[in-house]
Amino acid sequence: MAAHRPPAALTVRSDSDAKRSGEDARAAASSPPRVSRASLALHPHPVCDEGVDAGSIAGVEAVEQAQHGGVDEHEEHEDPEEHRPQPERVGEHTRHERERCPADHLEDGQIDHELTFDAGIEFIDTNADADRWFVQIECFDPHEPFFTYDEYKQLYPHDYDGPEFDWPPYAKVTEAEDQVEHARFEYKALVSMCDRSLGRVLDAMDEHDMWEDTLLIVNTDHGFLLGEHGWWAKSVQPWFNELVHLPAFLWDPRTRRAGERSARLVQTIDIAPTLLEFFGIDATADMLGAPLETVERAGALFGIHGGHVNITDGRYVYMRACADPSNAPLEEYTLMPTHMRGRFAPAEFADAELASPFSFTKGVRPLRLRGRAQINPYVFGSLLFDLEADPGQERPLDDPELELRMLRLLATQLRENDAPASQFQRLGIPTVGEPGPEHLLVHAQRDRATAAAEPLPPLDDFAVGEFGIGTSVPELLAHPVSREVVTRHLPMLAQSELLGMLGSTTIYALAAVLAIPVAHLRAIADELAAI
């Protein structure tokens, strides 16, 4: 692709497993571009370093942009290879050495991951000389199950004689340390396979001389806990930094900067405006994001529906839980009434009504329904962290002055995002006016937060008799005495709808998901053992 060509675009995207949030990234430079956008998850750990390394190849979502018009005079004499991401050896190959034929090194044949990249690279090969195009290559890896080939597993040799374990539960860690380490090595092997696939894209950029006029961004949607904070996975715990501070790497041929970092707070909502600006198209009026080189925000809002609502200013992170155990009112607004695995049931529409349009619904009135949450953030309490002094988020702060500043920033962001009044009510924040000291929650919920953070002891550490927390919930509910104990401590287990979902689940297994405090769990175990 020559530098004089008009814009085109390529996107390669992968899912490191689900929701979007705030992350630092490298700002793009100015001047009319040609774009290829790609995003690929491949960081060997779900946690990433702060900022974005321009020209780096280790990351998780890629956007490439090529330049339109001539280059600056001083750029004409720069060697493209000086800023080219350096080859990284995978097995017996480097990115420069291997051929880009589809998975020719895999004796087991192709998998969807490779077929996806085959299709994307075929598009590049076919359209390399065309103008003003955009393609997105989206793959699912790295994602559980951590499936890969022996070639990649051999990069991480370790002794392990336990059960097959490449799909950690969305729960607290209760497995033995060697099993935890095995899962981490399985994940690293999968990341290496993804890294190789990204290398194929980089090779295509070499082959078509795209580094002179193509912008490359690498990032993803979220991380995945591999034992950090005593948890696996995501969504069922607070959104710690390993989950939301995402890798974001940029190569911009207009500036040719490499090896730099930026502390700008950018989010995935900034990608679309960046691409539009790159093609010389104005962003829509309802977009809250901005082109990467122009982003200037005081805070980044992130979270999950019905969970904590979080805000960061780059140094401090404030995780606001609901004000009371009901986690209510919780509403859902949609014009596509479907859950992840099915449509809404008729009963869910019983109280549905058309709401007023939001600032981002283009005048359309969405359905307002009663919402439901995956977790109740009240269990974990409101949390406040200093990422500079405590990057691992292991020592939550109790600082009323700081909390008030972050709470006011949160309220401002909610209003800018046109959050409904019910969200303010759920969080205990005034819908009008600034929050005051009377709205703070960290100190009031501190004991709850401490209890939720306590590791879950092994099952054999708890009392057991004829019944115990290792007995299946249906069996406990079938006996009148144990039923009384269970439903008194955990009233939700009396709900017939929930029982159909639990199967043979035990209270111990539920505790790993619901973060039942260890002291509460011991009280249940003691009462059951005494029957």
Protein backbone atom coordinates (compact mmCIF):
# COMPACT_ATOMS: atom_id res chain seq x y z
CA MET A 1 0.00 0.00 0.00
CA ALA A 2 1.63 3.22 -1.12
CA ALA A 3 1.50 6.30 1.07
CA HIS A 4 -0.42 8.29 -1.54
CA ARG A 5 -3.48 6.04 -1.50
CA PRO A 6 -6.78 7.08 0.07
CA PRO A 7 -8.02 5.46 3.30
CA ALA A 8 -8.81 1.77 3.71
CA ALA A 9 -9.34 -0.22 6.90
CA LEU A 10 -8.82 -3.67 8.41
CA THR A 11 -9.95 -4.87 11.83
CA VAL A 12 -8.87 -8.08 13.52
CA ARG A 13 -10.76 -8.65 16.77
CA SER A 14 -10.74 -11.38 19.37
CA ASP A 15 -12.61 -11.99 22.60
CA SER A 16 -10.42 -12.56 25.62
CA ASP A 17 -13.69 -13.54 27.14
CA ALA A 18 -16.60 -10.30 27.57
CA LYS A 19 -17.42 -6.65 28.66
CA ARG A 20 -15.77 -3.40 27.82
CA SER A 21 -14.33 -0.90 30.28
CA GLY A 22 -11.77 1.86 30.69
CA GLU A 23 -8.16 1.40 29.62
CA ASP A 24 -5.07 3.53 28.90
CA ALA A 25 -3.92 3.62 25.28
CA ARG A 26 -1.50 5.34 22.95
CA ALA A 27 -2.90 8.38 21.22
CA ALA A 28 -2.92 8.35 17.44
CA ALA A 29 -1.32 11.24 15.55
CA SER A 30 -2.85 13.49 12.93
CA SER A 31 -2.87 13.72 9.11
CA PRO A 32 -5.15 12.00 6.61
CA PRO A 33 -4.78 8.21 6.82
CA ARG A 34 -5.50 4.92 5.24
CA VAL A 35 -6.88 2.39 7.73
CA SER A 36 -6.69 -1.27 8.50
CA ARG A 37 -8.22 -2.12 11.86
CA ALA A 38 -7.52 -5.29 13.77
CA SER A 39 -8.07 -6.56 17.26
CA LEU A 40 -6.63 -9.73 18.68
CA ALA A 41 -6.48 -10.93 22.28
CA LEU A 42 -3.08 -12.31 23.11
CA HIS A 43 -1.65 -10.96 26.31
CA PRO A 44 -0.12 -13.93 28.22
CA HIS A 45 -1.83 -12.77 31.39
CA PRO A 46 -5.17 -11.02 31.75
CA VAL A 47 -3.39 -8.18 33.55
CA CYS A 48 -1.45 -5.67 31.49
CA ASP A 49 1.05 -2.92 32.09
CA GLU A 50 -0.19 0.64 32.16
CA GLY A 51 -0.25 2.59 28.96
CA VAL A 52 0.39 1.43 25.42
CA ASP A 53 3.69 0.63 23.72
CA ALA A 54 3.70 1.89 20.15
CA GLY A 55 5.11 -0.73 17.82
CA SER A 56 4.81 -3.53 20.37
CA ILE A 57 3.44 -6.89 19.22
CA ALA A 58 2.23 -8.26 22.56
CA GLY A 59 -1.34 -7.17 23.07
CA VAL A 60 -4.95 -7.86 22.35
CA GLU A 61 -6.88 -5.87 19.71
CA ALA A 62 -5.53 -4.42 16.50
CA VAL A 63 -6.54 -1.51 14.35
CA GLU A 64 -4.44 -0.64 11.36
CA GLN A 65 -4.59 2.66 9.53
CA ALA A 66 -2.74 3.71 6.39
CA GLN A 67 -1.79 7.23 5.40
CA HIS A 68 -3.42 9.31 2.66
CA GLY A 69 -1.22 11.98 1.13
CA GLY A 70 2.54 12.41 1.33
CA VAL A 71 4.69 11.92 4.40
CA ASP A 72 6.47 14.70 6.21
CA GLU A 73 9.90 15.47 4.83
CA HIS A 74 11.75 14.16 7.88
CA GLU A 75 9.81 10.89 7.69
CA GLU A 76 10.93 10.13 4.15
CA HIS A 77 14.39 9.23 5.37
CA GLU A 78 13.34 6.96 8.23
CA ASP A 79 13.88 3.23 7.92
CA PRO A 80 10.55 1.41 8.37
CA GLU A 81 12.34 -1.55 9.93
CA GLU A 82 13.67 0.72 12.68
CA HIS A 83 10.14 0.91 14.10
CA ARG A 84 8.93 -2.49 12.87
CA PRO A 85 7.81 -4.76 15.71
CA GLN A 86 10.65 -7.22 16.12
CA PRO A 87 10.05 -10.90 15.28
CA GLU A 88 9.34 -13.16 18.21
CA ARG A 89 10.24 -16.82 18.04
CA VAL A 90 7.38 -19.28 18.48
CA GLY A 91 8.48 -22.89 18.40
CA GLU A 92 10.88 -23.25 15.49
CA HIS A 93 9.60 -20.24 13.55
CA THR A 94 9.79 -16.49 13.68
CA ARG A 95 7.20 -14.28 12.10
CA HIS A 96 9.64 -13.51 9.29
CA GLU A 97 10.52 -17.17 8.71
CA ARG A 98 7.18 -18.92 8.58
CA GLU A 99 5.03 -19.15 5.50
CA ARG A 100 1.53 -17.71 5.68
CA CYS A 101 -0.15 -20.87 4.44
CA PRO A 102 -3.08 -21.96 6.61
CA ALA A 103 -1.98 -23.93 9.66
CA ASP A 104 0.44 -26.08 7.67
CA HIS A 105 2.33 -26.91 10.87
CA LEU A 106 -0.72 -28.41 12.61
CA GLU A 107 -1.11 -32.15 12.14
CA ASP A 108 -4.65 -32.06 13.53
CA GLY A 109 -5.89 -29.69 10.83
CA GLN A 110 -7.51 -26.34 11.20
CA ILE A 111 -9.73 -24.90 13.89
CA ASP A 112 -12.06 -21.90 13.68
CA HIS A 113 -9.34 -19.64 15.06
CA GLU A 114 -7.06 -20.30 12.08
CA LEU A 115 -9.89 -20.28 9.55
CA THR A 116 -10.87 -16.82 10.77
CA PHE A 117 -7.37 -15.49 10.21
CA ASP A 118 -7.16 -17.27 6.86
CA ALA A 119 -10.25 -15.39 5.72
CA GLY A 120 -8.97 -12.05 7.02
CA ILE A 121 -5.58 -12.42 5.40
CA GLU A 122 -7.20 -13.50 2.14
CA PHE A 123 -9.13 -10.22 2.25
CA ILE A 124 -5.88 -8.31 2.75
CA ASP A 125 -4.19 -10.16 -0.10
CA THR A 126 -7.16 -9.58 -2.39
CA ASN A 127 -7.73 -5.90 -1.58
CA ALA A 128 -4.21 -4.68 -0.82
CA ASP A 129 -4.24 -2.46 -3.91
CA ALA A 130 -7.80 -1.21 -3.43
CA ASP A 131 -8.82 1.97 -1.63
CA ARG A 132 -11.16 2.99 1.19
CA TRP A 133 -11.96 -0.44 2.59
CA PHE A 134 -12.54 -1.73 6.09
CA VAL A 135 -12.51 -5.33 7.26
CA GLN A 136 -12.69 -6.74 10.77
CA ILE A 137 -11.15 -10.10 11.61
CA GLU A 138 -12.75 -11.30 14.83
CA CYS A 139 -11.72 -14.51 16.56
CA PHE A 140 -12.80 -15.98 19.89
CA ASP A 141 -9.42 -16.80 21.42
CA PRO A 142 -7.94 -16.59 23.93
CA HIS A 143 -11.08 -17.86 25.64
CA GLU A 144 -11.98 -20.83 27.75
CA PRO A 145 -11.65 -23.71 27.14
CA PHE A 146 -7.92 -23.08 26.76
CA PHE A 147 -7.58 -25.38 23.76
CA THR A 148 -4.38 -25.39 21.76
CA TYR A 149 -1.82 -27.77 20.26
CA ASP A 150 1.19 -29.56 21.69
CA GLU A 151 3.51 -27.24 19.80
CA TYR A 152 2.37 -24.40 22.05
CA LYS A 153 2.01 -26.44 25.23
CA GLN A 154 5.65 -27.47 24.90
CA LEU A 155 6.65 -23.82 25.27
CA TYR A 156 5.54 -24.04 28.92
CA PRO A 157 6.79 -27.39 30.32
CA HIS A 158 5.63 -28.25 33.84
CA ASP A 159 4.90 -31.30 35.96
CA TYR A 160 1.20 -31.89 36.50
CA ASP A 161 -0.69 -35.09 37.24
CA GLY A 162 -4.11 -33.73 38.14
CA PRO A 163 -7.45 -33.65 36.33
CA GLU A 164 -7.91 -32.00 32.95
CA PHE A 165 -8.35 -28.33 33.74
CA ASP A 166 -8.57 -25.88 30.87
CA TRP A 167 -11.92 -24.33 31.73
CA PRO A 168 -11.84 -22.65 35.16
CA PRO A 169 -15.18 -22.00 36.87
CA TYR A 170 -16.55 -18.50 37.32
CA ALA A 171 -15.93 -18.73 41.05
CA LYS A 172 -13.44 -18.38 43.87
CA VAL A 173 -10.29 -20.45 43.63
CA THR A 174 -10.58 -23.68 45.62
CA GLU A 175 -8.22 -25.82 43.55
CA ALA A 176 -4.75 -26.99 44.61
CA GLU A 177 -1.86 -24.71 43.68
CA ASP A 178 -0.48 -27.11 41.04
CA GLN A 179 -3.89 -27.16 39.35
CA VAL A 180 -3.99 -23.36 39.37
CA GLU A 181 -0.52 -23.18 37.83
CA HIS A 182 -1.50 -25.75 35.21
CA ALA A 183 -4.45 -23.59 34.12
CA ARG A 184 -2.12 -20.61 33.81
CA PHE A 185 0.26 -22.57 31.59
CA GLU A 186 -2.66 -23.76 29.44
CA TYR A 187 -3.71 -20.12 29.04
CA LYS A 188 -0.18 -19.06 28.14
CA ALA A 189 -0.03 -21.76 25.45
CA LEU A 190 -3.28 -20.46 23.98
CA VAL A 191 -1.96 -16.89 24.05
CA SER A 192 1.12 -18.07 22.16
CA MET A 193 -1.11 -19.56 19.47
CA CYS A 194 -2.94 -16.22 19.22
CA ASP A 195 0.41 -14.45 19.07
CA ARG A 196 1.35 -16.57 16.09
CA SER A 197 -1.88 -15.63 14.34
CA LEU A 198 -1.21 -11.96 14.91
CA GLY A 199 2.23 -12.63 13.45
CA ARG A 200 0.56 -13.82 10.26
CA VAL A 201 -1.19 -10.44 10.02
CA LEU A 202 2.12 -8.67 10.59
CA ASP A 203 3.68 -10.82 7.87
CA ALA A 204 0.91 -9.75 5.51
CA MET A 205 1.70 -6.14 6.35
CA ASP A 206 5.34 -6.85 5.51
CA GLU A 207 4.45 -8.51 2.23
CA HIS A 208 2.26 -5.63 1.07
CA ASP A 209 4.50 -2.88 2.45
CA MET A 210 1.70 -1.65 4.74
CA TRP A 211 3.94 -0.22 7.49
CA GLU A 212 4.42 2.96 5.48
CA ASP A 213 0.73 3.83 5.43
CA THR A 214 -1.07 1.59 7.92
CA LEU A 215 -1.98 2.22 11.54
CA LEU A 216 -1.98 -0.81 13.86
CA ILE A 217 -3.79 -0.88 17.23
CA VAL A 218 -3.81 -3.97 19.42
CA ASN A 219 -6.28 -4.26 22.30
CA THR A 220 -9.26 -6.31 23.57
CA ASP A 221 -12.52 -6.10 25.49
CA HIS A 222 -11.58 -7.38 28.96
CA GLY A 223 -9.20 -9.57 30.92
CA PHE A 224 -9.55 -12.91 32.72
CA LEU A 225 -8.58 -13.66 36.32
CA LEU A 226 -6.29 -16.65 36.77
CA GLY A 227 -6.25 -16.71 40.56
CA GLU A 228 -5.61 -13.02 41.21
CA HIS A 229 -7.70 -11.79 44.16
CA GLY A 230 -8.56 -15.44 44.83
CA TRP A 231 -10.89 -15.61 41.82
CA TRP A 232 -11.23 -17.23 38.43
CA ALA A 233 -12.68 -15.59 35.33
CA LYS A 234 -14.83 -12.43 35.41
CA SER A 235 -18.31 -11.00 35.99
CA VAL A 236 -18.96 -12.69 39.36
CA GLN A 237 -16.57 -10.47 41.34
CA PRO A 238 -15.66 -6.76 41.38
CA TRP A 239 -14.06 -5.51 38.17
CA PHE A 240 -10.45 -5.44 39.29
CA ASN A 241 -7.74 -3.88 37.19
CA GLU A 242 -6.67 -7.20 35.68
CA LEU A 243 -10.10 -7.28 34.03
CA VAL A 244 -10.46 -3.70 32.87
CA HIS A 245 -7.04 -2.11 32.37
CA LEU A 246 -6.58 -3.52 28.91
CA PRO A 247 -3.56 -3.85 26.65
CA ALA A 248 -3.58 -1.24 23.91
CA PHE A 249 -0.66 -0.92 21.50
CA LEU A 250 -0.38 1.39 18.52
CA TRP A 251 1.76 1.78 15.43
CA ASP A 252 0.95 4.99 13.56
CA PRO A 253 2.89 5.63 10.35
CA ARG A 254 2.06 9.32 10.54
CA THR A 255 4.16 9.79 13.67
CA ARG A 256 6.31 6.62 13.62
CA ARG A 257 6.61 6.80 17.39
CA ALA A 258 7.71 3.63 19.15
CA GLY A 259 8.56 2.64 22.70
CA GLU A 260 6.50 5.44 24.24
CA ARG A 261 3.77 5.37 26.87
CA SER A 262 0.71 7.53 27.40
CA ALA A 263 -1.31 7.90 30.59
CA ARG A 264 -4.41 9.15 28.75
CA LEU A 265 -7.64 7.56 29.86
CA VAL A 266 -9.15 6.07 26.72
CA GLN A 267 -11.91 3.52 26.31
CA THR A 268 -13.19 1.23 23.60
CA ILE A 269 -15.84 3.87 22.87
CA ASP A 270 -12.98 5.90 21.37
CA ILE A 271 -12.23 3.36 18.63
CA ALA A 272 -15.22 4.18 16.41
CA PRO A 273 -14.61 7.96 16.49
CA THR A 274 -10.94 7.29 15.73
CA LEU A 275 -11.83 5.29 12.64
CA LEU A 276 -14.40 7.84 11.48
CA GLU A 277 -11.88 10.64 11.88
CA PHE A 278 -9.35 8.55 10.01
CA PHE A 279 -11.68 8.35 7.02
CA GLY A 280 -12.57 12.03 7.29
CA ILE A 281 -16.10 11.32 8.55
CA ASP A 282 -17.66 13.25 11.42
CA ALA A 283 -18.66 11.29 14.52
CA THR A 284 -22.38 11.24 15.30
CA ALA A 285 -23.60 13.77 17.86
CA ASP A 286 -24.53 11.07 20.38
CA MET A 287 -21.06 9.48 20.51
CA LEU A 288 -19.33 10.02 23.85
CA GLY A 289 -15.98 8.73 22.61
CA ALA A 290 -13.38 10.82 20.77
CA PRO A 291 -10.46 10.19 18.39
CA LEU A 292 -7.56 8.78 20.38
CA GLU A 293 -5.29 11.74 19.76
CA THR A 294 -7.87 14.17 21.17
CA VAL A 295 -9.15 12.25 24.22
CA GLU A 296 -9.08 14.34 27.38
CA ARG A 297 -11.31 12.93 30.12
CA ALA A 298 -11.20 13.33 33.88
CA GLY A 299 -12.53 9.86 34.53
CA ALA A 300 -13.48 6.60 32.85
CA LEU A 301 -16.72 4.87 33.77
CA PHE A 302 -16.94 1.06 33.64
CA GLY A 303 -18.80 -1.91 35.10
CA ILE A 304 -21.49 -4.50 34.43
CA HIS A 305 -25.27 -4.30 34.51
CA GLY A 306 -26.54 -4.63 38.06
CA GLY A 307 -23.03 -4.82 39.53
CA HIS A 308 -20.62 -2.20 40.84
CA VAL A 309 -20.53 1.06 38.92
CA ASN A 310 -16.88 2.06 38.78
CA ILE A 311 -14.88 5.18 38.02
CA THR A 312 -11.16 5.77 37.66
CA ASP A 313 -9.18 8.94 37.17
CA GLY A 314 -6.09 6.95 36.20
CA ARG A 315 -4.68 6.70 39.71
CA TYR A 316 -7.65 5.96 41.97
CA VAL A 317 -10.42 3.44 41.34
CA TYR A 318 -13.77 3.75 43.09
CA MET A 319 -16.13 0.76 42.94
CA ARG A 320 -19.58 1.85 44.04
CA ALA A 321 -21.84 -0.93 45.32
CA CYS A 322 -25.60 -0.68 45.76
CA ALA A 323 -26.82 1.16 48.84
CA ASP A 324 -28.77 -1.75 50.34
CA PRO A 325 -29.09 -5.55 49.94
CA SER A 326 -32.02 -5.33 47.53
CA ASN A 327 -29.80 -3.99 44.75
CA ALA A 328 -32.90 -2.17 43.58
CA PRO A 329 -34.43 -0.60 41.65
CA LEU A 330 -32.75 -2.31 38.70
CA GLU A 331 -34.16 -1.68 35.25
CA GLU A 332 -33.33 -2.94 31.80
CA TYR A 333 -33.83 -0.86 28.67
CA THR A 334 -33.89 -2.65 25.35
CA LEU A 335 -35.42 -2.99 21.92
CA MET A 336 -33.96 -6.50 21.56
CA PRO A 337 -35.52 -8.53 24.41
CA THR A 338 -33.14 -11.46 24.47
CA HIS A 339 -30.88 -12.94 27.11
CA MET A 340 -27.55 -14.56 26.30
CA ARG A 341 -29.10 -17.97 25.64
CA GLY A 342 -32.70 -17.24 24.77
CA ARG A 343 -35.57 -14.79 24.35
CA PHE A 344 -37.37 -13.08 27.19
CA ALA A 345 -40.16 -15.17 28.69
CA PRO A 346 -43.69 -13.73 28.36
CA ALA A 347 -43.83 -13.12 32.12
CA GLU A 348 -40.89 -10.73 31.84
CA PHE A 349 -43.05 -8.36 29.80
CA ALA A 350 -45.77 -8.14 32.47
CA ASP A 351 -44.63 -4.71 33.69
CA ALA A 352 -42.91 -3.57 30.49
CA GLU A 353 -43.55 -0.08 29.21
CA LEU A 354 -42.07 2.30 26.68
CA ALA A 355 -39.57 4.68 28.27
CA SER A 356 -38.60 8.12 27.10
CA PRO A 357 -35.74 8.21 24.58
CA PHE A 358 -32.17 8.39 25.89
CA SER A 359 -29.63 10.79 24.45
CA PHE A 360 -28.11 7.92 22.47
CA THR A 361 -31.28 6.18 21.13
CA LYS A 362 -31.79 8.66 18.29
CA GLY A 363 -35.29 9.57 19.42
CA VAL A 364 -36.43 5.96 19.78
CA ARG A 365 -38.29 4.94 22.95
CA PRO A 366 -36.91 1.65 24.33
CA LEU A 367 -38.77 -0.91 26.40
CA ARG A 368 -38.27 -0.56 30.15
CA LEU A 369 -38.41 -3.84 32.06
CA ARG A 370 -37.48 -5.05 35.49
CA GLY A 371 -33.80 -5.97 35.36
CA ARG A 372 -31.82 -8.78 36.90
CA ALA A 373 -28.18 -8.90 37.93
CA GLN A 374 -25.54 -11.57 37.60
CA ILE A 375 -24.15 -10.67 41.03
CA ASN A 376 -25.25 -8.51 43.93
CA PRO A 377 -22.44 -5.99 44.55
CA TYR A 378 -23.69 -5.44 48.11
CA VAL A 379 -21.90 -8.69 49.02
CA PHE A 380 -18.55 -7.10 48.17
CA GLY A 381 -19.21 -3.59 49.47
CA SER A 382 -17.94 -0.35 47.98
CA LEU A 383 -14.19 -0.30 47.38
CA LEU A 384 -11.57 2.41 46.88
CA PHE A 385 -8.02 1.77 45.66
CA ASP A 386 -4.85 3.76 44.99
CA LEU A 387 -3.29 2.12 41.93
CA GLU A 388 -0.01 3.98 42.42
CA ALA A 389 0.58 2.73 45.97
CA ASP A 390 -1.34 -0.54 45.58
CA PRO A 391 -1.32 -1.69 41.94
CA GLY A 392 -2.49 -5.16 42.94
CA GLN A 393 -5.61 -3.69 44.60
CA GLU A 394 -4.97 -5.65 47.78
CA ARG A 395 -5.40 -2.84 50.34
CA PRO A 396 -8.70 -0.96 49.98
CA LEU A 397 -8.71 2.58 51.32
CA ASP A 398 -11.09 4.17 53.81
CA ASP A 399 -10.58 7.84 52.97
CA PRO A 400 -13.81 9.89 53.13
CA GLU A 401 -12.34 12.95 51.42
CA LEU A 402 -11.01 10.91 48.50
CA GLU A 403 -14.19 8.85 48.27
CA LEU A 404 -16.30 12.02 48.10
CA ARG A 405 -14.18 13.37 45.22
CA MET A 406 -14.46 10.11 43.32
CA LEU A 407 -18.19 9.83 44.08
CA ARG A 408 -18.80 13.28 42.63
CA LEU A 409 -16.81 12.35 39.55
CA LEU A 410 -18.91 9.20 39.24
CA ALA A 411 -22.16 11.15 39.52
CA THR A 412 -20.97 13.57 36.83
CA GLN A 413 -20.12 10.71 34.49
CA LEU A 414 -23.47 9.01 35.09
CA ARG A 415 -25.26 12.20 34.12
CA GLU A 416 -23.11 12.64 31.02
CA ASN A 417 -24.05 9.08 30.04
CA ASP A 418 -27.74 9.86 30.58
CA ALA A 419 -28.11 7.15 33.24
CA PRO A 420 -31.74 6.64 34.38
CA ALA A 421 -32.92 7.88 37.77
CA SER A 422 -33.26 4.27 38.96
CA GLN A 423 -29.49 3.83 38.67
CA PHE A 424 -28.87 6.77 41.00
CA GLN A 425 -31.41 5.37 43.44
CA ARG A 426 -29.86 1.89 43.39
CA LEU A 427 -26.45 3.36 44.17
CA GLY A 428 -27.70 5.80 46.80
CA ILE A 429 -26.64 8.88 44.82
CA PRO A 430 -28.79 12.03 44.44
CA THR A 431 -30.18 12.49 40.94
CA VAL A 432 -29.79 16.26 41.22
CA GLY A 433 -26.98 18.15 42.92
CA GLU A 434 -23.61 16.99 44.19
CA PRO A 435 -23.31 14.00 46.53
CA GLY A 436 -22.28 14.87 50.08
CA PRO A 437 -20.60 13.06 53.00
CA GLU A 438 -23.94 11.46 53.86
CA HIS A 439 -23.79 9.48 50.60
CA LEU A 440 -20.46 7.75 51.29
CA LEU A 441 -20.49 3.94 51.60
CA VAL A 442 -16.90 2.67 51.92
CA HIS A 443 -16.67 2.88 55.71
CA ALA A 444 -20.21 1.60 56.30
CA GLN A 445 -19.58 -1.43 54.06
CA ARG A 446 -15.98 -2.08 55.03
CA ASP A 447 -16.61 -5.18 57.17
CA ARG A 448 -18.64 -6.70 54.35
CA ALA A 449 -15.86 -5.99 51.86
CA THR A 450 -13.25 -7.57 54.16
CA ALA A 451 -15.35 -10.71 54.61
CA ALA A 452 -15.95 -11.08 50.86
CA ALA A 453 -12.22 -10.84 50.14
CA GLU A 454 -11.34 -13.70 52.51
CA PRO A 455 -10.13 -16.84 50.66
CA LEU A 456 -12.48 -19.82 50.69
CA PRO A 457 -10.92 -22.60 52.84
CA PRO A 458 -10.91 -26.21 51.60
CA LEU A 459 -14.14 -28.14 52.11
CA ASP A 460 -12.58 -30.47 54.70
CA ASP A 461 -11.91 -27.46 56.95
CA PHE A 462 -15.65 -27.28 57.72
CA ALA A 463 -17.67 -29.35 60.19
CA VAL A 464 -19.60 -32.26 58.71
CA GLY A 465 -22.04 -34.89 59.97
CA GLU A 466 -24.89 -36.61 58.20
CA PHE A 467 -25.32 -33.28 56.43
CA GLY A 468 -22.81 -30.61 55.53
CA ILE A 469 -22.11 -27.82 53.09
CA GLY A 470 -20.79 -30.51 50.74
CA THR A 471 -24.23 -32.17 50.62
CA SER A 472 -26.25 -31.37 47.50
CA VAL A 473 -28.79 -28.60 47.90
CA PRO A 474 -31.75 -30.80 46.77
CA GLU A 475 -30.85 -33.36 49.43
CA LEU A 476 -30.64 -30.65 52.11
CA LEU A 477 -34.01 -29.25 51.09
CA ALA A 478 -35.65 -32.68 51.14
CA HIS A 479 -35.02 -33.06 54.91
CA PRO A 480 -37.22 -30.78 57.07
CA VAL A 481 -34.54 -29.91 59.64
CA SER A 482 -31.72 -29.25 57.20
CA ARG A 483 -34.18 -27.35 54.98
CA GLU A 484 -34.97 -24.99 57.85
CA VAL A 485 -31.26 -24.33 58.42
CA VAL A 486 -30.52 -23.74 54.76
CA THR A 487 -33.50 -21.48 53.97
CA ARG A 488 -32.98 -19.46 57.14
CA HIS A 489 -29.37 -18.68 56.23
CA LEU A 490 -29.85 -18.59 52.44
CA PRO A 491 -33.48 -17.67 51.72
CA MET A 492 -32.92 -17.58 47.96
CA LEU A 493 -32.58 -21.37 47.96
CA ALA A 494 -36.28 -21.66 48.71
CA GLN A 495 -37.10 -20.21 45.27
CA SER A 496 -38.38 -22.96 43.01
CA GLU A 497 -37.08 -21.19 39.87
CA LEU A 498 -33.57 -21.17 41.27
CA LEU A 499 -33.73 -24.81 42.35
CA GLY A 500 -34.25 -25.92 38.78
CA MET A 501 -30.97 -24.26 37.84
CA LEU A 502 -28.90 -25.65 40.71
CA GLY A 503 -29.06 -29.36 40.00
CA SER A 504 -26.80 -31.19 42.44
CA THR A 505 -24.89 -28.04 43.45
CA THR A 506 -23.62 -27.84 47.02
CA ILE A 507 -23.60 -24.87 49.37
CA TYR A 508 -19.81 -24.97 49.26
CA ALA A 509 -19.87 -24.64 45.48
CA LEU A 510 -22.38 -21.80 45.75
CA ALA A 511 -20.13 -20.05 48.25
CA ALA A 512 -17.36 -20.00 45.65
CA VAL A 513 -19.67 -18.15 43.24
CA LEU A 514 -21.72 -15.99 45.59
CA ALA A 515 -18.86 -14.99 47.91
CA ILE A 516 -20.69 -16.15 51.05
CA PRO A 517 -18.51 -14.94 53.95
CA VAL A 518 -16.44 -17.72 55.52
CA ALA A 519 -17.84 -17.00 59.01
CA HIS A 520 -21.39 -17.35 57.67
CA LEU A 521 -20.43 -20.54 55.87
CA ARG A 522 -18.97 -22.01 59.07
CA ALA A 523 -22.18 -21.20 60.95
CA ILE A 524 -24.22 -23.07 58.33
CA ALA A 525 -21.80 -26.02 58.38
CA ASP A 526 -21.88 -26.23 62.19
CA GLU A 527 -25.69 -26.27 62.29
CA LEU A 528 -25.93 -28.90 59.57
CA ALA A 529 -23.31 -31.09 61.21
CA ALA A 530 -25.26 -31.01 64.48
CA ILE A 531 -28.38 -32.55 62.92
